[in-house]
């Protein structure tokens, strides 16, 4: 049976999925030899926190994730990727 989400949970879920897509898109710019490991690391991080139901913690994890992908994006820009 499908669990019904309240509006706030639905919005948080959408933000998490958007973060995941952004991270994978940026990881695709990494050098080929590092790309697979980076994508695996992103997936593991998402799976590790997939059972979290605390909305405040989810918001924190989203902001932490956004900061990390921003740093990764800047690093790849500096390397010319």
C-alpha atoms as a PDB file:
ATOM      1  CA  UNK A   1       0.000   0.000   0.000  1.00  0.00           C
ATOM      2  CA  UNK A   2       1.251   3.471  -0.875  1.00  0.00           C
ATOM      3  CA  UNK A   3       1.886   5.765   2.056  1.00  0.00           C
ATOM      4  CA  UNK A   4       0.160   9.142   1.691  1.00  0.00           C
ATOM      5  CA  UNK A   5       2.407  12.136   2.239  1.00  0.00           C
ATOM      6  CA  UNK A   6       1.372  15.425   3.742  1.00  0.00           C
ATOM      7  CA  UNK A   7       2.220  18.524   1.714  1.00  0.00           C
ATOM      8  CA  UNK A   8       5.400  19.321   3.656  1.00  0.00           C
ATOM      9  CA  UNK A   9       6.711  15.755   3.248  1.00  0.00           C
ATOM     10  CA  UNK A  10       5.860  15.825  -0.459  1.00  0.00           C
ATOM     11  CA  UNK A  11       7.797  19.069  -0.928  1.00  0.00           C
ATOM     12  CA  UNK A  12      10.797  17.748   1.022  1.00  0.00           C
ATOM     13  CA  UNK A  13      10.787  14.568  -1.055  1.00  0.00           C
ATOM     14  CA  UNK A  14      10.777  16.651  -4.244  1.00  0.00           C
ATOM     15  CA  UNK A  15      13.717  18.705  -2.944  1.00  0.00           C
ATOM     16  CA  UNK A  16      15.671  15.538  -2.118  1.00  0.00           C
ATOM     17  CA  UNK A  17      15.068  14.113  -5.589  1.00  0.00           C
ATOM     18  CA  UNK A  18      16.107  17.409  -7.176  1.00  0.00           C
ATOM     19  CA  UNK A  19      19.304  17.392  -5.102  1.00  0.00           C
ATOM     20  CA  UNK A  20      20.032  13.814  -6.209  1.00  0.00           C
ATOM     21  CA  UNK A  21      19.557  14.694  -9.886  1.00  0.00           C
ATOM     22  CA  UNK A  22      21.762  17.784  -9.537  1.00  0.00           C
ATOM     23  CA  UNK A  23      24.502  15.763  -7.847  1.00  0.00           C
ATOM     24  CA  UNK A  24      24.460  13.108 -10.574  1.00  0.00           C
ATOM     25  CA  UNK A  25      24.495  15.777 -13.281  1.00  0.00           C
ATOM     26  CA  UNK A  26      27.565  17.416 -11.746  1.00  0.00           C
ATOM     27  CA  UNK A  27      29.219  14.019 -11.190  1.00  0.00           C
ATOM     28  CA  UNK A  28      28.850  13.359 -14.913  1.00  0.00           C
ATOM     29  CA  UNK A  29      31.330  16.196 -15.505  1.00  0.00           C
ATOM     30  CA  UNK A  30      34.024  14.439 -13.441  1.00  0.00           C
ATOM     31  CA  UNK A  31      36.898  12.671 -15.199  1.00  0.00           C
ATOM     32  CA  UNK A  32      35.829   9.226 -16.509  1.00  0.00           C
ATOM     33  CA  UNK A  33      38.102   7.327 -14.117  1.00  0.00           C
ATOM     34  CA  UNK A  34      36.486   9.042 -11.080  1.00  0.00           C
ATOM     35  CA  UNK A  35      32.918   9.292 -12.358  1.00  0.00           C
ATOM     36  CA  UNK A  36      31.730   5.817 -11.367  1.00  0.00           C
ATOM     37  CA  UNK A  37      33.103   6.042  -7.854  1.00  0.00           C
ATOM     38  CA  UNK A  38      31.626   9.505  -7.389  1.00  0.00           C
ATOM     39  CA  UNK A  39      28.169   8.395  -8.552  1.00  0.00           C
ATOM     40  CA  UNK A  40      28.361   5.360  -6.257  1.00  0.00           C
ATOM     41  CA  UNK A  41      29.310   7.609  -3.343  1.00  0.00           C
ATOM     42  CA  UNK A  42      26.347   9.909  -4.050  1.00  0.00           C
ATOM     43  CA  UNK A  43      23.980   6.954  -4.180  1.00  0.00           C
ATOM     44  CA  UNK A  44      25.334   5.483  -0.933  1.00  0.00           C
ATOM     45  CA  UNK A  45      24.901   8.808   0.837  1.00  0.00           C
ATOM     46  CA  UNK A  46      21.296   9.058  -0.339  1.00  0.00           C
ATOM     47  CA  UNK A  47      20.518   5.470   0.644  1.00  0.00           C
ATOM     48  CA  UNK A  48      22.147   5.938   4.050  1.00  0.00           C
ATOM     49  CA  UNK A  49      19.653   8.682   4.863  1.00  0.00           C
ATOM     50  CA  UNK A  50      16.627   7.269   3.039  1.00  0.00           C
ATOM     51  CA  UNK A  51      14.912   6.089   6.229  1.00  0.00           C
ATOM     52  CA  UNK A  52      15.094   9.497   7.922  1.00  0.00           C
ATOM     53  CA  UNK A  53      11.640  10.821   8.844  1.00  0.00           C
ATOM     54  CA  UNK A  54      12.729  13.837  10.891  1.00  0.00           C
ATOM     55  CA  UNK A  55      11.796  16.837   8.727  1.00  0.00           C
ATOM     56  CA  UNK A  56      14.281  19.144  10.441  1.00  0.00           C
ATOM     57  CA  UNK A  57      17.116  16.670   9.839  1.00  0.00           C
ATOM     58  CA  UNK A  58      16.033  16.239   6.213  1.00  0.00           C
ATOM     59  CA  UNK A  59      16.189  20.022   5.726  1.00  0.00           C
ATOM     60  CA  UNK A  60      19.669  20.034   7.273  1.00  0.00           C
ATOM     61  CA  UNK A  61      20.799  17.169   5.022  1.00  0.00           C
ATOM     62  CA  UNK A  62      19.455  18.978   1.951  1.00  0.00           C
ATOM     63  CA  UNK A  63      21.363  22.157   2.819  1.00  0.00           C
ATOM     64  CA  UNK A  64      24.488  20.092   3.533  1.00  0.00           C
ATOM     65  CA  UNK A  65      24.084  18.298   0.197  1.00  0.00           C
ATOM     66  CA  UNK A  66      23.624  21.556  -1.696  1.00  0.00           C
ATOM     67  CA  UNK A  67      26.810  22.917  -0.148  1.00  0.00           C
ATOM     68  CA  UNK A  68      28.728  19.762  -1.062  1.00  0.00           C
ATOM     69  CA  UNK A  69      27.602  19.755  -4.701  1.00  0.00           C
ATOM     70  CA  UNK A  70      28.396  23.462  -4.939  1.00  0.00           C
ATOM     71  CA  UNK A  71      31.948  22.690  -3.757  1.00  0.00           C
ATOM     72  CA  UNK A  72      32.220  19.782  -6.200  1.00  0.00           C
ATOM     73  CA  UNK A  73      30.986  21.989  -9.045  1.00  0.00           C
ATOM     74  CA  UNK A  74      33.552  24.673  -8.191  1.00  0.00           C
ATOM     75  CA  UNK A  75      36.333  22.102  -7.958  1.00  0.00           C
ATOM     76  CA  UNK A  76      35.447  20.660 -11.368  1.00  0.00           C
ATOM     77  CA  UNK A  77      35.337  24.180 -12.824  1.00  0.00           C
ATOM     78  CA  UNK A  78      38.827  24.884 -11.473  1.00  0.00           C
ATOM     79  CA  UNK A  79      40.071  21.662 -13.048  1.00  0.00           C
ATOM     80  CA  UNK A  80      38.495  22.581 -16.370  1.00  0.00           C
ATOM     81  CA  UNK A  81      35.853  19.846 -16.492  1.00  0.00           C
END
